[in-house]
C-alpha atoms as a PDB file:
ATOM      1  CA  UNK A   1     -21.460  31.783 -18.386  1.00  0.00           C
ATOM      2  CA  UNK A   2     -23.049  28.438 -17.654  1.00  0.00           C
ATOM      3  CA  UNK A   3     -22.299  27.135 -21.158  1.00  0.00           C
ATOM      4  CA  UNK A   4     -18.637  28.261 -20.780  1.00  0.00           C
ATOM      5  CA  UNK A   5     -18.250  26.526 -17.454  1.00  0.00           C
ATOM      6  CA  UNK A   6     -19.691  23.333 -18.845  1.00  0.00           C
ATOM      7  CA  UNK A   7     -17.231  23.329 -21.728  1.00  0.00           C
ATOM      8  CA  UNK A   8     -14.364  23.934 -19.350  1.00  0.00           C
ATOM      9  CA  UNK A   9     -15.600  21.005 -17.199  1.00  0.00           C
ATOM     10  CA  UNK A  10     -15.912  18.711 -20.210  1.00  0.00           C
ATOM     11  CA  UNK A  11     -12.417  19.688 -21.331  1.00  0.00           C
ATOM     12  CA  UNK A  12     -10.952  18.758 -17.962  1.00  0.00           C
ATOM     13  CA  UNK A  13     -12.919  15.541 -17.953  1.00  0.00           C
ATOM     14  CA  UNK A  14     -11.390  14.697 -21.333  1.00  0.00           C
ATOM     15  CA  UNK A  15      -7.877  15.247 -20.103  1.00  0.00           C
ATOM     16  CA  UNK A  16      -8.748  13.262 -17.015  1.00  0.00           C
ATOM     17  CA  UNK A  17      -9.825  10.247 -19.081  1.00  0.00           C
ATOM     18  CA  UNK A  18      -6.704  10.611 -21.229  1.00  0.00           C
ATOM     19  CA  UNK A  19      -4.552  10.627 -18.105  1.00  0.00           C
ATOM     20  CA  UNK A  20      -6.349   7.434 -16.922  1.00  0.00           C
ATOM     21  CA  UNK A  21      -5.552   5.690 -20.190  1.00  0.00           C
ATOM     22  CA  UNK A  22      -1.910   6.778 -20.094  1.00  0.00           C
ATOM     23  CA  UNK A  23      -1.681   5.563 -16.494  1.00  0.00           C
ATOM     24  CA  UNK A  24      -3.108   2.214 -17.444  1.00  0.00           C
ATOM     25  CA  UNK A  25      -0.744   1.758 -20.348  1.00  0.00           C
ATOM     26  CA  UNK A  26       2.364   2.890 -18.454  1.00  0.00           C
ATOM     27  CA  UNK A  27       1.644   0.739 -15.316  1.00  0.00           C
ATOM     28  CA  UNK A  28       3.529  -2.404 -16.484  1.00  0.00           C
ATOM     29  CA  UNK A  29       6.554  -0.278 -17.468  1.00  0.00           C
ATOM     30  CA  UNK A  30       6.590   1.283 -13.996  1.00  0.00           C
ATOM     31  CA  UNK A  31       6.516  -2.151 -12.405  1.00  0.00           C
ATOM     32  CA  UNK A  32       9.345  -3.344 -14.657  1.00  0.00           C
ATOM     33  CA  UNK A  33      11.344  -0.256 -13.607  1.00  0.00           C
ATOM     34  CA  UNK A  34      10.671  -0.921  -9.948  1.00  0.00           C
ATOM     35  CA  UNK A  35      11.929  -4.547 -10.324  1.00  0.00           C
ATOM     36  CA  UNK A  36      15.072  -3.329 -12.094  1.00  0.00           C
ATOM     37  CA  UNK A  37      15.792  -0.875  -9.323  1.00  0.00           C
ATOM     38  CA  UNK A  38      15.288  -3.489  -6.647  1.00  0.00           C
ATOM     39  CA  UNK A  39      17.683  -5.875  -8.438  1.00  0.00           C
ATOM     40  CA  UNK A  40      20.281  -3.137  -8.792  1.00  0.00           C
ATOM     41  CA  UNK A  41      19.978  -2.456  -5.066  1.00  0.00           C
ATOM     42  CA  UNK A  42      20.381  -6.087  -4.230  1.00  0.00           C
ATOM     43  CA  UNK A  43      23.435  -6.398  -6.498  1.00  0.00           C
ATOM     44  CA  UNK A  44      25.067  -3.484  -4.768  1.00  0.00           C
ATOM     45  CA  UNK A  45      24.381  -4.958  -1.393  1.00  0.00           C
ATOM     46  CA  UNK A  46      25.658  -8.458  -2.064  1.00  0.00           C
ATOM     47  CA  UNK A  47      28.651  -7.399  -4.123  1.00  0.00           C
ATOM     48  CA  UNK A  48      29.912  -4.301  -2.340  1.00  0.00           C
ATOM     49  CA  UNK A  49      28.236  -3.873   1.101  1.00  0.00           C
ATOM     50  CA  UNK A  50      27.978  -7.464   2.466  1.00  0.00           C
ATOM     51  CA  UNK A  51      31.654  -8.280   2.222  1.00  0.00           C
ATOM     52  CA  UNK A  52      32.498  -5.177   4.310  1.00  0.00           C
ATOM     53  CA  UNK A  53      29.902  -5.707   7.065  1.00  0.00           C
ATOM     54  CA  UNK A  54      31.007  -6.275  10.628  1.00  0.00           C
ATOM     55  CA  UNK A  55      29.849  -9.384  12.551  1.00  0.00           C
ATOM     56  CA  UNK A  56      28.650 -11.042   9.343  1.00  0.00           C
ATOM     57  CA  UNK A  57      27.092 -14.053  11.140  1.00  0.00           C
ATOM     58  CA  UNK A  58      24.639 -11.728  12.764  1.00  0.00           C
ATOM     59  CA  UNK A  59      24.285  -8.759  10.407  1.00  0.00           C
ATOM     60  CA  UNK A  60      23.928 -10.601   7.117  1.00  0.00           C
ATOM     61  CA  UNK A  61      21.075 -12.885   8.292  1.00  0.00           C
ATOM     62  CA  UNK A  62      19.282  -9.789   9.744  1.00  0.00           C
ATOM     63  CA  UNK A  63      19.613  -8.061   6.359  1.00  0.00           C
ATOM     64  CA  UNK A  64      18.359 -11.195   4.539  1.00  0.00           C
ATOM     65  CA  UNK A  65      15.216 -11.201   6.730  1.00  0.00           C
ATOM     66  CA  UNK A  66      14.541  -7.564   5.794  1.00  0.00           C
ATOM     67  CA  UNK A  67      15.097  -8.313   2.112  1.00  0.00           C
ATOM     68  CA  UNK A  68      12.881 -11.391   2.102  1.00  0.00           C
ATOM     69  CA  UNK A  69      10.060  -9.468   3.674  1.00  0.00           C
ATOM     70  CA  UNK A  70      10.380  -6.516   1.317  1.00  0.00           C
ATOM     71  CA  UNK A  71      10.544  -8.678  -1.828  1.00  0.00           C
ATOM     72  CA  UNK A  72       7.896 -11.095  -0.526  1.00  0.00           C
ATOM     73  CA  UNK A  73       5.317  -8.401   0.226  1.00  0.00           C
ATOM     74  CA  UNK A  74       6.047  -6.716  -3.035  1.00  0.00           C
ATOM     75  CA  UNK A  75       5.384 -10.010  -4.884  1.00  0.00           C
ATOM     76  CA  UNK A  76       2.087 -10.444  -3.077  1.00  0.00           C
ATOM     77  CA  UNK A  77       0.858  -6.909  -3.594  1.00  0.00           C
ATOM     78  CA  UNK A  78       1.542  -7.147  -7.307  1.00  0.00           C
ATOM     79  CA  UNK A  79       0.191 -10.655  -7.760  1.00  0.00           C
ATOM     80  CA  UNK A  80      -2.812 -10.710  -5.392  1.00  0.00           C
ATOM     81  CA  UNK A  81      -5.844  -8.832  -6.826  1.00  0.00           C
ATOM     82  CA  UNK A  82      -7.456  -6.244  -4.590  1.00  0.00           C
ATOM     83  CA  UNK A  83     -10.865  -7.887  -4.735  1.00  0.00           C
ATOM     84  CA  UNK A  84     -13.319  -6.860  -7.446  1.00  0.00           C
ATOM     85  CA  UNK A  85     -17.101  -6.637  -7.099  1.00  0.00           C
ATOM     86  CA  UNK A  86     -18.937  -9.687  -8.621  1.00  0.00           C
ATOM     87  CA  UNK A  87     -15.597 -11.379  -9.307  1.00  0.00           C
ATOM     88  CA  UNK A  88     -14.832 -14.581  -7.335  1.00  0.00           C
ATOM     89  CA  UNK A  89     -11.543 -14.300  -5.470  1.00  0.00           C
ATOM     90  CA  UNK A  90      -9.212 -17.207  -6.262  1.00  0.00           C
ATOM     91  CA  UNK A  91      -7.188 -18.591  -3.304  1.00  0.00           C
ATOM     92  CA  UNK A  92      -3.896 -19.201  -4.992  1.00  0.00           C
ATOM     93  CA  UNK A  93      -0.575 -19.869  -3.288  1.00  0.00           C
ATOM     94  CA  UNK A  94      -2.304 -21.846  -0.467  1.00  0.00           C
ATOM     95  CA  UNK A  95       0.971 -22.938   1.078  1.00  0.00           C
ATOM     96  CA  UNK A  96       1.813 -19.367   1.946  1.00  0.00           C
ATOM     97  CA  UNK A  97      -1.340 -18.446   3.936  1.00  0.00           C
ATOM     98  CA  UNK A  98      -0.897 -17.850   7.678  1.00  0.00           C
ATOM     99  CA  UNK A  99      -2.644 -20.415   9.779  1.00  0.00           C
ATOM    100  CA  UNK A 100      -5.529 -19.036  11.822  1.00  0.00           C
ATOM    101  CA  UNK A 101      -8.238 -20.381  14.041  1.00  0.00           C
ATOM    102  CA  UNK A 102     -11.681 -21.236  12.734  1.00  0.00           C
ATOM    103  CA  UNK A 103     -13.060 -17.878  13.967  1.00  0.00           C
ATOM    104  CA  UNK A 104     -10.874 -14.813  13.756  1.00  0.00           C
ATOM    105  CA  UNK A 105     -10.507 -12.196  16.416  1.00  0.00           C
ATOM    106  CA  UNK A 106     -12.893  -9.883  14.658  1.00  0.00           C
ATOM    107  CA  UNK A 107     -15.634 -12.485  14.191  1.00  0.00           C
ATOM    108  CA  UNK A 108     -15.353 -13.503  17.887  1.00  0.00           C
ATOM    109  CA  UNK A 109     -15.664  -9.985  19.313  1.00  0.00           C
ATOM    110  CA  UNK A 110     -17.688  -7.975  16.783  1.00  0.00           C
ATOM    111  CA  UNK A 111     -20.934  -8.517  14.904  1.00  0.00           C
ATOM    112  CA  UNK A 112     -20.858  -8.767  11.125  1.00  0.00           C
ATOM    113  CA  UNK A 113     -23.679  -6.994   9.378  1.00  0.00           C
ATOM    114  CA  UNK A 114     -24.431  -7.413   5.636  1.00  0.00           C
ATOM    115  CA  UNK A 115     -23.628  -4.214   3.739  1.00  0.00           C
ATOM    116  CA  UNK A 116     -26.409  -2.460   1.928  1.00  0.00           C
ATOM    117  CA  UNK A 117     -25.973  -2.498  -1.846  1.00  0.00           C
ATOM    118  CA  UNK A 118     -26.438   0.008  -4.631  1.00  0.00           C
ATOM    119  CA  UNK A 119     -25.738  -0.034  -8.378  1.00  0.00           C
ATOM    120  CA  UNK A 120     -22.623   1.674  -9.667  1.00  0.00           C
ATOM    121  CA  UNK A 121     -23.348   4.325 -12.304  1.00  0.00           C
ATOM    122  CA  UNK A 122     -20.068   3.605 -14.021  1.00  0.00           C
ATOM    123  CA  UNK A 123     -19.974  -0.208 -14.458  1.00  0.00           C
ATOM    124  CA  UNK A 124     -23.532  -1.192 -13.527  1.00  0.00           C
ATOM    125  CA  UNK A 125     -22.430  -3.694 -10.872  1.00  0.00           C
ATOM    126  CA  UNK A 126     -24.280  -4.216  -7.603  1.00  0.00           C
ATOM    127  CA  UNK A 127     -21.779  -3.309  -4.879  1.00  0.00           C
ATOM    128  CA  UNK A 128     -21.577  -2.747  -1.125  1.00  0.00           C
ATOM    129  CA  UNK A 129     -22.449   0.955  -1.059  1.00  0.00           C
ATOM    130  CA  UNK A 130     -20.227   1.837   1.946  1.00  0.00           C
ATOM    131  CA  UNK A 131     -16.653   0.578   1.261  1.00  0.00           C
ATOM    132  CA  UNK A 132     -16.639  -0.326  -2.411  1.00  0.00           C
ATOM    133  CA  UNK A 133     -15.758   2.308  -4.956  1.00  0.00           C
ATOM    134  CA  UNK A 134     -15.285   2.541  -8.711  1.00  0.00           C
ATOM    135  CA  UNK A 135     -11.673   2.819 -10.141  1.00  0.00           C
ATOM    136  CA  UNK A 136     -11.581   4.776 -13.364  1.00  0.00           C
ATOM    137  CA  UNK A 137      -8.260   3.139 -14.478  1.00  0.00           C
ATOM    138  CA  UNK A 138      -9.392  -0.498 -13.902  1.00  0.00           C
ATOM    139  CA  UNK A 139     -13.013   0.444 -14.833  1.00  0.00           C
ATOM    140  CA  UNK A 140     -14.463  -1.801 -12.128  1.00  0.00           C
ATOM    141  CA  UNK A 141     -15.622  -1.486  -8.560  1.00  0.00           C
ATOM    142  CA  UNK A 142     -13.134  -2.566  -5.912  1.00  0.00           C
ATOM    143  CA  UNK A 143     -13.968  -3.933  -2.501  1.00  0.00           C
ATOM    144  CA  UNK A 144     -12.649  -1.734   0.337  1.00  0.00           C
ATOM    145  CA  UNK A 145     -11.151   0.551  -2.269  1.00  0.00           C
ATOM    146  CA  UNK A 146      -8.186   2.613  -1.029  1.00  0.00           C
ATOM    147  CA  UNK A 147      -6.510   3.955  -4.240  1.00  0.00           C
ATOM    148  CA  UNK A 148      -5.042   2.974  -7.539  1.00  0.00           C
ATOM    149  CA  UNK A 149      -1.217   2.724  -7.525  1.00  0.00           C
ATOM    150  CA  UNK A 150       0.215   2.737 -11.038  1.00  0.00           C
ATOM    151  CA  UNK A 151       3.806   3.468 -10.133  1.00  0.00           C
ATOM    152  CA  UNK A 152       4.710   0.514  -7.912  1.00  0.00           C
ATOM    153  CA  UNK A 153       2.085  -2.218  -8.331  1.00  0.00           C
ATOM    154  CA  UNK A 154      -0.008  -1.291 -11.446  1.00  0.00           C
ATOM    155  CA  UNK A 155      -3.327  -2.090  -9.741  1.00  0.00           C
ATOM    156  CA  UNK A 156      -5.674  -1.006  -6.964  1.00  0.00           C
ATOM    157  CA  UNK A 157      -5.096  -1.357  -3.281  1.00  0.00           C
ATOM    158  CA  UNK A 158      -8.110  -3.003  -1.788  1.00  0.00           C
ATOM    159  CA  UNK A 159      -9.500  -5.630   0.524  1.00  0.00           C
ATOM    160  CA  UNK A 160      -7.082  -8.464  -0.215  1.00  0.00           C
ATOM    161  CA  UNK A 161      -3.767  -6.699  -0.874  1.00  0.00           C
ATOM    162  CA  UNK A 162      -3.923  -3.614   1.412  1.00  0.00           C
ATOM    163  CA  UNK A 163      -1.904  -5.331   4.124  1.00  0.00           C
ATOM    164  CA  UNK A 164       0.856  -6.319   1.810  1.00  0.00           C
ATOM    165  CA  UNK A 165       1.020  -2.822   0.297  1.00  0.00           C
ATOM    166  CA  UNK A 166       1.529  -1.270   3.769  1.00  0.00           C
ATOM    167  CA  UNK A 167       4.046  -3.929   4.742  1.00  0.00           C
ATOM    168  CA  UNK A 168       5.976  -3.489   1.519  1.00  0.00           C
ATOM    169  CA  UNK A 169       6.296   0.239   2.093  1.00  0.00           C
ATOM    170  CA  UNK A 170       7.345  -0.329   5.647  1.00  0.00           C
ATOM    171  CA  UNK A 171      10.181  -2.788   4.718  1.00  0.00           C
ATOM    172  CA  UNK A 172      11.144  -0.634   1.756  1.00  0.00           C
ATOM    173  CA  UNK A 173      11.753   2.313   4.133  1.00  0.00           C
ATOM    174  CA  UNK A 174      13.781   0.071   6.533  1.00  0.00           C
ATOM    175  CA  UNK A 175      15.811  -1.504   3.717  1.00  0.00           C
ATOM    176  CA  UNK A 176      16.479   1.820   1.952  1.00  0.00           C
ATOM    177  CA  UNK A 177      17.551   3.452   5.222  1.00  0.00           C
ATOM    178  CA  UNK A 178      19.794   0.521   6.077  1.00  0.00           C
ATOM    179  CA  UNK A 179      21.258   0.618   2.655  1.00  0.00           C
ATOM    180  CA  UNK A 180      22.252   4.241   3.001  1.00  0.00           C
ATOM    181  CA  UNK A 181      23.800   3.615   6.425  1.00  0.00           C
ATOM    182  CA  UNK A 182      25.767   0.512   5.359  1.00  0.00           C
ATOM    183  CA  UNK A 183      26.781   1.960   1.986  1.00  0.00           C
ATOM    184  CA  UNK A 184      28.265   5.137   3.418  1.00  0.00           C
ATOM    185  CA  UNK A 185      31.460   3.477   4.749  1.00  0.00           C
ATOM    186  CA  UNK A 186      32.415   1.811   1.415  1.00  0.00           C
ATOM    187  CA  UNK A 187      31.657   5.035  -0.449  1.00  0.00           C
ATOM    188  CA  UNK A 188      33.533   7.315   1.935  1.00  0.00           C
ATOM    189  CA  UNK A 189      36.509   5.032   1.995  1.00  0.00           C
ATOM    190  CA  UNK A 190      36.598   4.679  -1.790  1.00  0.00           C
ATOM    191  CA  UNK A 191      35.835   8.267  -2.841  1.00  0.00           C
ATOM    192  CA  UNK A 192      37.345  10.066   0.166  1.00  0.00           C
ATOM    193  CA  UNK A 193      34.099  11.715   1.352  1.00  0.00           C
ATOM    194  CA  UNK A 194      35.235  11.673   4.951  1.00  0.00           C
ATOM    195  CA  UNK A 195      38.478  13.517   5.790  1.00  0.00           C
ATOM    196  CA  UNK A 196      39.473  10.995   8.423  1.00  0.00           C
ATOM    197  CA  UNK A 197      39.014   8.072   6.082  1.00  0.00           C
ATOM    198  CA  UNK A 198      41.846   7.445   3.633  1.00  0.00           C
ATOM    199  CA  UNK A 199      40.857   6.689   0.032  1.00  0.00           C
ATOM    200  CA  UNK A 200      40.845   2.911  -0.494  1.00  0.00           C
ATOM    201  CA  UNK A 201      40.536   0.683  -3.489  1.00  0.00           C
ATOM    202  CA  UNK A 202      36.915   0.012  -4.594  1.00  0.00           C
ATOM    203  CA  UNK A 203      36.350  -3.709  -4.223  1.00  0.00           C
ATOM    204  CA  UNK A 204      33.607  -5.143  -6.401  1.00  0.00           C
ATOM    205  CA  UNK A 205      33.098  -8.025  -8.751  1.00  0.00           C
ATOM    206  CA  UNK A 206      30.699  -6.442 -11.197  1.00  0.00           C
ATOM    207  CA  UNK A 207      29.188  -3.355  -9.620  1.00  0.00           C
ATOM    208  CA  UNK A 208      30.756  -0.026 -10.826  1.00  0.00           C
ATOM    209  CA  UNK A 209      31.326   2.765  -8.324  1.00  0.00           C
ATOM    210  CA  UNK A 210      28.836   5.018 -10.223  1.00  0.00           C
ATOM    211  CA  UNK A 211      26.046   2.482  -9.684  1.00  0.00           C
ATOM    212  CA  UNK A 212      26.638   2.405  -5.938  1.00  0.00           C
ATOM    213  CA  UNK A 213      26.501   6.219  -5.761  1.00  0.00           C
ATOM    214  CA  UNK A 214      23.287   6.283  -7.796  1.00  0.00           C
ATOM    215  CA  UNK A 215      21.648   3.667  -5.630  1.00  0.00           C
ATOM    216  CA  UNK A 216      22.721   5.440  -2.509  1.00  0.00           C
ATOM    217  CA  UNK A 217      21.074   8.667  -3.652  1.00  0.00           C
ATOM    218  CA  UNK A 218      17.942   6.865  -4.839  1.00  0.00           C
ATOM    219  CA  UNK A 219      17.682   4.964  -1.520  1.00  0.00           C
ATOM    220  CA  UNK A 220      17.879   8.166   0.421  1.00  0.00           C
ATOM    221  CA  UNK A 221      15.167   9.794  -1.623  1.00  0.00           C
ATOM    222  CA  UNK A 222      12.950   6.701  -1.532  1.00  0.00           C
ATOM    223  CA  UNK A 223      13.363   6.317   2.182  1.00  0.00           C
ATOM    224  CA  UNK A 224      12.060   9.835   2.838  1.00  0.00           C
ATOM    225  CA  UNK A 225       9.277   9.878   0.206  1.00  0.00           C
ATOM    226  CA  UNK A 226       7.903   6.448   1.013  1.00  0.00           C
ATOM    227  CA  UNK A 227       8.062   7.185   4.721  1.00  0.00           C
ATOM    228  CA  UNK A 228       5.674  10.101   4.279  1.00  0.00           C
ATOM    229  CA  UNK A 229       3.245   7.896   2.367  1.00  0.00           C
ATOM    230  CA  UNK A 230       3.676   5.108   4.876  1.00  0.00           C
ATOM    231  CA  UNK A 231       2.746   7.318   7.813  1.00  0.00           C
ATOM    232  CA  UNK A 232      -0.415   8.407   6.016  1.00  0.00           C
ATOM    233  CA  UNK A 233      -1.304   4.823   5.165  1.00  0.00           C
ATOM    234  CA  UNK A 234      -0.552   3.541   8.642  1.00  0.00           C
ATOM    235  CA  UNK A 235      -2.762   6.246  10.141  1.00  0.00           C
ATOM    236  CA  UNK A 236      -5.629   4.977   8.065  1.00  0.00           C
ATOM    237  CA  UNK A 237      -4.992   1.319   9.079  1.00  0.00           C
ATOM    238  CA  UNK A 238      -4.768   2.143  12.756  1.00  0.00           C
ATOM    239  CA  UNK A 239      -8.009   4.231  12.518  1.00  0.00           C
ATOM    240  CA  UNK A 240      -9.825   1.614  10.442  1.00  0.00           C
ATOM    241  CA  UNK A 241     -10.325   3.817   7.393  1.00  0.00           C
ATOM    242  CA  UNK A 242      -9.222   3.884   3.739  1.00  0.00           C
ATOM    243  CA  UNK A 243      -7.790   6.862   1.861  1.00  0.00           C
ATOM    244  CA  UNK A 244     -11.234   7.540   0.401  1.00  0.00           C
ATOM    245  CA  UNK A 245     -12.872   7.318   3.803  1.00  0.00           C
ATOM    246  CA  UNK A 246     -10.246   9.658   5.295  1.00  0.00           C
ATOM    247  CA  UNK A 247     -11.394  12.349   2.914  1.00  0.00           C
ATOM    248  CA  UNK A 248     -15.025  11.752   3.789  1.00  0.00           C
ATOM    249  CA  UNK A 249     -14.373  11.637   7.527  1.00  0.00           C
ATOM    250  CA  UNK A 250     -12.753  15.047   7.450  1.00  0.00           C
ATOM    251  CA  UNK A 251     -16.171  16.382   6.641  1.00  0.00           C
ATOM    252  CA  UNK A 252     -17.904  14.141   9.198  1.00  0.00           C
ATOM    253  CA  UNK A 253     -15.495  15.130  12.006  1.00  0.00           C
ATOM    254  CA  UNK A 254     -16.774  18.615  11.969  1.00  0.00           C
ATOM    255  CA  UNK A 255     -19.530  17.094  14.091  1.00  0.00           C
ATOM    256  CA  UNK A 256     -18.025  16.361  17.497  1.00  0.00           C
ATOM    257  CA  UNK A 257     -20.348  13.400  17.929  1.00  0.00           C
ATOM    258  CA  UNK A 258     -18.861  11.552  14.914  1.00  0.00           C
ATOM    259  CA  UNK A 259     -17.542   8.033  15.648  1.00  0.00           C
ATOM    260  CA  UNK A 260     -16.064   5.846  12.931  1.00  0.00           C
ATOM    261  CA  UNK A 261     -17.942   2.539  13.191  1.00  0.00           C
ATOM    262  CA  UNK A 262     -15.214   0.714  11.153  1.00  0.00           C
ATOM    263  CA  UNK A 263     -12.571   1.416  13.882  1.00  0.00           C
ATOM    264  CA  UNK A 264     -12.410  -1.805  15.852  1.00  0.00           C
ATOM    265  CA  UNK A 265      -9.431  -0.729  18.008  1.00  0.00           C
ATOM    266  CA  UNK A 266      -5.737  -0.451  17.138  1.00  0.00           C
ATOM    267  CA  UNK A 267      -4.864  -4.003  18.146  1.00  0.00           C
ATOM    268  CA  UNK A 268      -7.700  -5.519  16.164  1.00  0.00           C
ATOM    269  CA  UNK A 269      -7.041  -3.323  13.150  1.00  0.00           C
ATOM    270  CA  UNK A 270      -3.409  -4.513  13.030  1.00  0.00           C
ATOM    271  CA  UNK A 271      -4.191  -8.197  13.840  1.00  0.00           C
ATOM    272  CA  UNK A 272      -2.500 -10.673  13.390  1.00  0.00           C
ATOM    273  CA  UNK A 273       0.726  -9.104  14.684  1.00  0.00           C
ATOM    274  CA  UNK A 274       3.012 -12.066  14.065  1.00  0.00           C
ATOM    275  CA  UNK A 275       2.718 -11.662  10.337  1.00  0.00           C
ATOM    276  CA  UNK A 276       4.501  -8.302  10.635  1.00  0.00           C
ATOM    277  CA  UNK A 277       7.769 -10.340  10.589  1.00  0.00           C
ATOM    278  CA  UNK A 278       6.847 -12.953   7.982  1.00  0.00           C
ATOM    279  CA  UNK A 279       5.662 -12.321   4.358  1.00  0.00           C
ATOM    280  CA  UNK A 280       2.655 -14.562   4.804  1.00  0.00           C
ATOM    281  CA  UNK A 281      -0.683 -14.203   3.120  1.00  0.00           C
ATOM    282  CA  UNK A 282      -3.462 -13.142   5.492  1.00  0.00           C
ATOM    283  CA  UNK A 283      -7.103 -13.513   4.537  1.00  0.00           C
ATOM    284  CA  UNK A 284      -9.330 -10.636   5.683  1.00  0.00           C
ATOM    285  CA  UNK A 285     -12.049 -11.415   8.138  1.00  0.00           C
ATOM    286  CA  UNK A 286     -14.753 -10.682   5.504  1.00  0.00           C
ATOM    287  CA  UNK A 287     -15.424 -11.111   1.846  1.00  0.00           C
ATOM    288  CA  UNK A 288     -16.230  -7.418   1.540  1.00  0.00           C
ATOM    289  CA  UNK A 289     -19.986  -7.856   1.559  1.00  0.00           C
ATOM    290  CA  UNK A 290     -20.300  -7.890   5.347  1.00  0.00           C
ATOM    291  CA  UNK A 291     -18.968  -5.207   7.657  1.00  0.00           C
ATOM    292  CA  UNK A 292     -17.768  -5.495  11.241  1.00  0.00           C
ATOM    293  CA  UNK A 293     -18.575  -2.393  13.306  1.00  0.00           C
ATOM    294  CA  UNK A 294     -17.452  -1.329  16.675  1.00  0.00           C
ATOM    295  CA  UNK A 295     -19.753  -1.913  19.750  1.00  0.00           C
ATOM    296  CA  UNK A 296     -22.491   0.652  19.876  1.00  0.00           C
ATOM    297  CA  UNK A 297     -22.232   1.597  16.186  1.00  0.00           C
ATOM    298  CA  UNK A 298     -23.913  -1.431  14.598  1.00  0.00           C
ATOM    299  CA  UNK A 299     -26.315   0.820  12.712  1.00  0.00           C
ATOM    300  CA  UNK A 300     -23.535   2.995  11.250  1.00  0.00           C
ATOM    301  CA  UNK A 301     -21.294   5.966  12.081  1.00  0.00           C
ATOM    302  CA  UNK A 302     -22.424   7.995  15.005  1.00  0.00           C
ATOM    303  CA  UNK A 303     -23.080  11.659  14.322  1.00  0.00           C
ATOM    304  CA  UNK A 304     -23.840  11.057  10.642  1.00  0.00           C
ATOM    305  CA  UNK A 305     -27.368  10.635   9.256  1.00  0.00           C
ATOM    306  CA  UNK A 306     -27.933   8.520   6.163  1.00  0.00           C
ATOM    307  CA  UNK A 307     -28.798  11.565   4.097  1.00  0.00           C
ATOM    308  CA  UNK A 308     -25.556  13.294   4.934  1.00  0.00           C
ATOM    309  CA  UNK A 309     -23.237  10.481   3.892  1.00  0.00           C
ATOM    310  CA  UNK A 310     -20.898  11.164   0.996  1.00  0.00           C
ATOM    311  CA  UNK A 311     -20.859   8.844  -2.031  1.00  0.00           C
ATOM    312  CA  UNK A 312     -18.682   8.617  -5.132  1.00  0.00           C
ATOM    313  CA  UNK A 313     -21.614   8.582  -7.589  1.00  0.00           C
ATOM    314  CA  UNK A 314     -20.277  11.756  -9.135  1.00  0.00           C
ATOM    315  CA  UNK A 315     -16.711  10.427  -9.149  1.00  0.00           C
ATOM    316  CA  UNK A 316     -15.143  12.846  -6.683  1.00  0.00           C
ATOM    317  CA  UNK A 317     -13.026  10.241  -4.902  1.00  0.00           C
ATOM    318  CA  UNK A 318     -12.581   7.411  -7.380  1.00  0.00           C
ATOM    319  CA  UNK A 319      -8.866   7.435  -7.737  1.00  0.00           C
END
């Protein structure tokens, strides 16, 4: 029985590794597809929707702000690495960093403590043992590892690009929902979807009617699906925890005395707020090797003894 279970486990591990390789190879194609869909949506907006919008002096600039934020954050989350263990982060695109004071809000109000280190059993790197985890697809440990996203960005979400990943999803939901709302009138007037609206001539320079319908359906589906993922991701940001830590904390929260030491308060976790409306690069308060903890939890999470803490040494929560 034991031998049979071991063979079954090895079989599943083989399929798991094969899936990781396929995910790694298919990642660039997923990103190319995402770029094509974004371009198709923009073409439909500027060619069909924008000419029919009311109050164009107000509505079109507002839509442009949404588009710039969505495209800008998508560019950053794809181009900015998440932060790898033992790999020096290169500060590129210096002109696009948000200005900040010499000492950030976190440094002024909370104490930074160096994170204890351990050696990863997968890649052999010395990593901060609390918030760095190994990614099977990238085959390297990632600082403040959240998850690997092959479909949209083809890399991990971690310390340096987590904010842009969340902001991209937020603006994608807003843009997709706005597209559905604004595209309904041209579609209904052209195809006669609404009884009270007479069928009109489809006005477009290069976008066919079928493309508009397909982008409308895709935008509706994306708005709903991404909204669900966004709410889960925002909950983690507000609570000061990653997706991996959310799974761990579900076990810890069985103890009523548990307190997440990474939760610095909602306002601090979301700081700086002004970058919510501008696609600017924001440097995290730490390099990933020091951790800010809430007051009273400088030694770690309350209600969890060191021996009870969950690790990913066996690979349960790597991806």
